[in-house]
Amino acid sequence: LKTMTKLQVRAFLYQMGCFAILFISVRYLAERYTGLTGFWIPMTAFMVGTILAPKFKSIKTNDGEKLYMRWIFMKEVKEIG
């Protein structure tokens, strides 16, 4: 069993947080302003959150482990901290 490094945990938490913010926001907006009902409200929020949330990944480089972010609205991959 492999343990996660600090940066891998940070990447996971950032990814989860961004997804959660988008999911909750879209779920509220879909429930309030669309005609969707039942199962389709959380399904829509899940799909939008999955597509729009930035992706975080920790990668081992020659300079040590670094945290990177990729987002649909940015052209290049951005190094975080």
N, C-alpha and C. Protein backbone atom coordinates (compact mmCIF):
# COMPACT_ATOMS: atom_id res chain seq x y z
N LEU A 1 0.85 -1.18 0.00
CA LEU A 1 0.00 0.00 0.00
C LEU A 1 0.89 1.24 0.00
N LYS A 2 0.67 2.12 -0.97
CA LYS A 2 1.48 3.33 -1.11
C LYS A 2 0.82 4.49 -0.37
N THR A 3 1.62 5.22 0.40
CA THR A 3 1.08 6.39 1.10
C THR A 3 1.20 7.62 0.22
N MET A 4 0.32 8.58 0.46
CA MET A 4 0.31 9.81 -0.33
C MET A 4 1.27 10.83 0.30
N THR A 5 1.95 11.58 -0.55
CA THR A 5 2.81 12.64 -0.06
C THR A 5 1.96 13.86 0.30
N LYS A 6 2.59 14.82 0.96
CA LYS A 6 1.89 16.05 1.35
C LYS A 6 1.26 16.75 0.15
N LEU A 7 2.03 16.85 -0.94
CA LEU A 7 1.51 17.55 -2.12
C LEU A 7 0.40 16.76 -2.80
N GLN A 8 0.46 15.44 -2.76
CA GLN A 8 -0.62 14.64 -3.32
C GLN A 8 -1.91 14.84 -2.52
N VAL A 9 -1.78 14.92 -1.20
CA VAL A 9 -2.95 15.17 -0.35
C VAL A 9 -3.49 16.57 -0.63
N ARG A 10 -2.59 17.55 -0.75
CA ARG A 10 -3.01 18.93 -1.04
C ARG A 10 -3.74 19.01 -2.39
N ALA A 11 -3.20 18.31 -3.40
CA ALA A 11 -3.83 18.29 -4.73
C ALA A 11 -5.22 17.68 -4.63
N PHE A 12 -5.36 16.58 -3.89
CA PHE A 12 -6.65 15.93 -3.72
C PHE A 12 -7.66 16.86 -3.04
N LEU A 13 -7.21 17.54 -1.99
CA LEU A 13 -8.11 18.43 -1.25
C LEU A 13 -8.51 19.65 -2.10
N TYR A 14 -7.57 20.21 -2.86
CA TYR A 14 -7.89 21.33 -3.75
C TYR A 14 -8.92 20.89 -4.80
N GLN A 15 -8.68 19.72 -5.38
CA GLN A 15 -9.59 19.21 -6.41
C GLN A 15 -10.98 18.98 -5.83
N MET A 16 -11.03 18.36 -4.65
CA MET A 16 -12.31 18.08 -4.00
C MET A 16 -13.04 19.37 -3.64
N GLY A 17 -12.29 20.35 -3.13
CA GLY A 17 -12.90 21.63 -2.76
C GLY A 17 -13.47 22.37 -3.95
N CYS A 18 -12.71 22.43 -5.03
CA CYS A 18 -13.19 23.12 -6.24
C CYS A 18 -14.43 22.42 -6.81
N PHE A 19 -14.39 21.10 -6.84
CA PHE A 19 -15.54 20.36 -7.33
C PHE A 19 -16.76 20.60 -6.44
N ALA A 20 -16.57 20.57 -5.12
CA ALA A 20 -17.68 20.75 -4.19
C ALA A 20 -18.32 22.13 -4.36
N ILE A 21 -17.50 23.16 -4.50
CA ILE A 21 -18.03 24.52 -4.68
C ILE A 21 -18.87 24.60 -5.96
N LEU A 22 -18.33 24.05 -7.04
CA LEU A 22 -19.07 24.07 -8.31
C LEU A 22 -20.33 23.21 -8.23
N PHE A 23 -20.23 22.03 -7.65
CA PHE A 23 -21.38 21.13 -7.54
C PHE A 23 -22.52 21.78 -6.77
N ILE A 24 -22.21 22.33 -5.61
CA ILE A 24 -23.25 22.94 -4.77
C ILE A 24 -23.86 24.15 -5.47
N SER A 25 -23.02 24.97 -6.10
CA SER A 25 -23.52 26.16 -6.80
C SER A 25 -24.43 25.78 -7.96
N VAL A 26 -23.97 24.85 -8.80
CA VAL A 26 -24.76 24.45 -9.97
C VAL A 26 -26.03 23.73 -9.53
N ARG A 27 -25.94 22.94 -8.48
CA ARG A 27 -27.14 22.24 -8.00
C ARG A 27 -28.20 23.25 -7.56
N TYR A 28 -27.76 24.26 -6.82
CA TYR A 28 -28.70 25.30 -6.38
C TYR A 28 -29.30 26.03 -7.57
N LEU A 29 -28.45 26.44 -8.51
CA LEU A 29 -28.94 27.18 -9.67
C LEU A 29 -29.87 26.33 -10.54
N ALA A 30 -29.53 25.06 -10.72
CA ALA A 30 -30.37 24.17 -11.53
C ALA A 30 -31.72 23.95 -10.87
N GLU A 31 -31.71 23.79 -9.56
CA GLU A 31 -32.97 23.57 -8.83
C GLU A 31 -33.86 24.80 -8.87
N ARG A 32 -33.21 25.95 -8.75
CA ARG A 32 -33.95 27.20 -8.64
C ARG A 32 -34.43 27.75 -9.99
N TYR A 33 -33.59 27.65 -11.01
CA TYR A 33 -33.86 28.37 -12.26
C TYR A 33 -34.12 27.51 -13.49
N THR A 34 -34.13 26.20 -13.35
CA THR A 34 -34.44 25.35 -14.50
C THR A 34 -35.65 24.49 -14.20
N GLY A 35 -36.14 23.82 -15.21
CA GLY A 35 -37.28 22.94 -15.04
C GLY A 35 -36.89 21.51 -14.68
N LEU A 36 -35.61 21.29 -14.36
CA LEU A 36 -35.16 19.95 -14.02
C LEU A 36 -35.77 19.48 -12.70
N THR A 37 -36.03 18.19 -12.60
CA THR A 37 -36.58 17.62 -11.37
C THR A 37 -35.86 16.32 -11.04
N GLY A 38 -35.97 15.92 -9.79
CA GLY A 38 -35.48 14.62 -9.34
C GLY A 38 -34.00 14.39 -9.59
N PHE A 39 -33.73 13.24 -10.18
CA PHE A 39 -32.38 12.74 -10.43
C PHE A 39 -31.56 13.68 -11.31
N TRP A 40 -32.20 14.45 -12.17
CA TRP A 40 -31.49 15.27 -13.15
C TRP A 40 -30.78 16.49 -12.55
N ILE A 41 -31.25 16.95 -11.41
CA ILE A 41 -30.60 18.11 -10.77
C ILE A 41 -29.19 17.74 -10.30
N PRO A 42 -29.00 16.71 -9.46
CA PRO A 42 -27.63 16.37 -9.05
C PRO A 42 -26.78 15.83 -10.21
N MET A 43 -27.40 15.16 -11.18
CA MET A 43 -26.65 14.64 -12.32
C MET A 43 -26.07 15.79 -13.15
N THR A 44 -26.87 16.82 -13.37
CA THR A 44 -26.40 18.00 -14.10
C THR A 44 -25.28 18.69 -13.33
N ALA A 45 -25.46 18.85 -12.02
CA ALA A 45 -24.45 19.50 -11.19
C ALA A 45 -23.15 18.69 -11.21
N PHE A 46 -23.25 17.37 -11.18
CA PHE A 46 -22.07 16.51 -11.22
C PHE A 46 -21.31 16.68 -12.53
N MET A 47 -22.04 16.66 -13.64
CA MET A 47 -21.40 16.78 -14.95
C MET A 47 -20.72 18.14 -15.12
N VAL A 48 -21.41 19.21 -14.76
CA VAL A 48 -20.84 20.55 -14.89
C VAL A 48 -19.63 20.70 -13.96
N GLY A 49 -19.75 20.22 -12.73
CA GLY A 49 -18.63 20.28 -11.78
C GLY A 49 -17.42 19.52 -12.27
N THR A 50 -17.65 18.34 -12.83
CA THR A 50 -16.55 17.52 -13.33
C THR A 50 -15.84 18.20 -14.50
N ILE A 51 -16.59 18.80 -15.38
CA ILE A 51 -16.00 19.44 -16.56
C ILE A 51 -15.31 20.76 -16.22
N LEU A 52 -15.91 21.57 -15.36
CA LEU A 52 -15.40 22.92 -15.11
C LEU A 52 -14.38 23.03 -13.99
N ALA A 53 -14.30 22.04 -13.09
CA ALA A 53 -13.36 22.13 -11.96
C ALA A 53 -11.92 22.00 -12.46
N PRO A 54 -11.02 22.82 -11.92
CA PRO A 54 -9.61 22.68 -12.29
C PRO A 54 -9.05 21.35 -11.80
N LYS A 55 -8.05 20.84 -12.52
CA LYS A 55 -7.42 19.56 -12.16
C LYS A 55 -6.06 19.86 -11.51
N PHE A 56 -5.81 19.26 -10.37
CA PHE A 56 -4.55 19.45 -9.65
C PHE A 56 -3.79 18.14 -9.63
N LYS A 57 -2.46 18.24 -9.76
CA LYS A 57 -1.63 17.03 -9.76
C LYS A 57 -0.25 17.37 -9.21
N SER A 58 0.29 16.46 -8.40
CA SER A 58 1.65 16.63 -7.91
C SER A 58 2.56 15.74 -8.74
N ILE A 59 3.66 16.32 -9.22
CA ILE A 59 4.58 15.61 -10.11
C ILE A 59 5.99 15.73 -9.56
N LYS A 60 6.71 14.61 -9.57
CA LYS A 60 8.11 14.62 -9.14
C LYS A 60 8.98 15.09 -10.31
N THR A 61 9.76 16.15 -10.05
CA THR A 61 10.67 16.70 -11.07
C THR A 61 12.10 16.60 -10.54
N ASN A 62 13.04 17.05 -11.33
CA ASN A 62 14.44 17.08 -10.89
C ASN A 62 14.65 18.01 -9.70
N ASP A 63 13.80 19.03 -9.58
CA ASP A 63 13.89 19.99 -8.47
C ASP A 63 13.07 19.56 -7.26
N GLY A 64 12.51 18.36 -7.28
CA GLY A 64 11.65 17.90 -6.19
C GLY A 64 10.21 17.81 -6.66
N GLU A 65 9.33 17.55 -5.73
CA GLU A 65 7.92 17.40 -6.07
C GLU A 65 7.25 18.77 -6.18
N LYS A 66 6.44 18.95 -7.23
CA LYS A 66 5.76 20.23 -7.45
C LYS A 66 4.29 19.99 -7.72
N LEU A 67 3.49 21.01 -7.41
CA LEU A 67 2.04 20.94 -7.59
C LEU A 67 1.66 21.76 -8.82
N TYR A 68 0.89 21.15 -9.71
CA TYR A 68 0.47 21.81 -10.95
C TYR A 68 -1.05 21.82 -11.06
N MET A 69 -1.57 22.82 -11.79
CA MET A 69 -3.00 22.95 -12.01
C MET A 69 -3.27 23.13 -13.50
N ARG A 70 -4.27 22.43 -13.99
CA ARG A 70 -4.72 22.60 -15.37
C ARG A 70 -6.21 22.93 -15.32
N TRP A 71 -6.62 23.90 -16.14
CA TRP A 71 -8.03 24.32 -16.12
C TRP A 71 -8.49 24.55 -17.54
N ILE A 72 -9.72 24.27 -17.80
CA ILE A 72 -10.30 24.38 -19.14
C ILE A 72 -10.22 25.82 -19.67
N PHE A 73 -10.19 26.81 -18.79
CA PHE A 73 -10.17 28.21 -19.21
C PHE A 73 -8.77 28.80 -19.34
N MET A 74 -7.73 27.98 -19.09
CA MET A 74 -6.35 28.44 -19.22
C MET A 74 -5.63 27.60 -20.26
N LYS A 75 -4.79 28.24 -21.07
CA LYS A 75 -4.08 27.50 -22.13
C LYS A 75 -3.01 26.59 -21.55
N GLU A 76 -2.17 27.14 -20.67
CA GLU A 76 -1.04 26.37 -20.19
C GLU A 76 -1.27 25.82 -18.78
N VAL A 77 -0.44 24.86 -18.42
CA VAL A 77 -0.45 24.28 -17.07
C VAL A 77 0.25 25.27 -16.16
N LYS A 78 -0.29 25.49 -14.97
CA LYS A 78 0.26 26.48 -14.06
C LYS A 78 0.85 25.80 -12.83
N GLU A 79 2.05 26.20 -12.45
CA GLU A 79 2.66 25.67 -11.23
C GLU A 79 2.08 26.42 -10.03
N ILE A 80 1.67 25.67 -9.03
CA ILE A 80 1.09 26.25 -7.82
C ILE A 80 2.14 26.19 -6.71
N GLY A 81 2.39 27.34 -6.09
CA GLY A 81 3.30 27.41 -4.95
C GLY A 81 4.59 26.78 -5.18
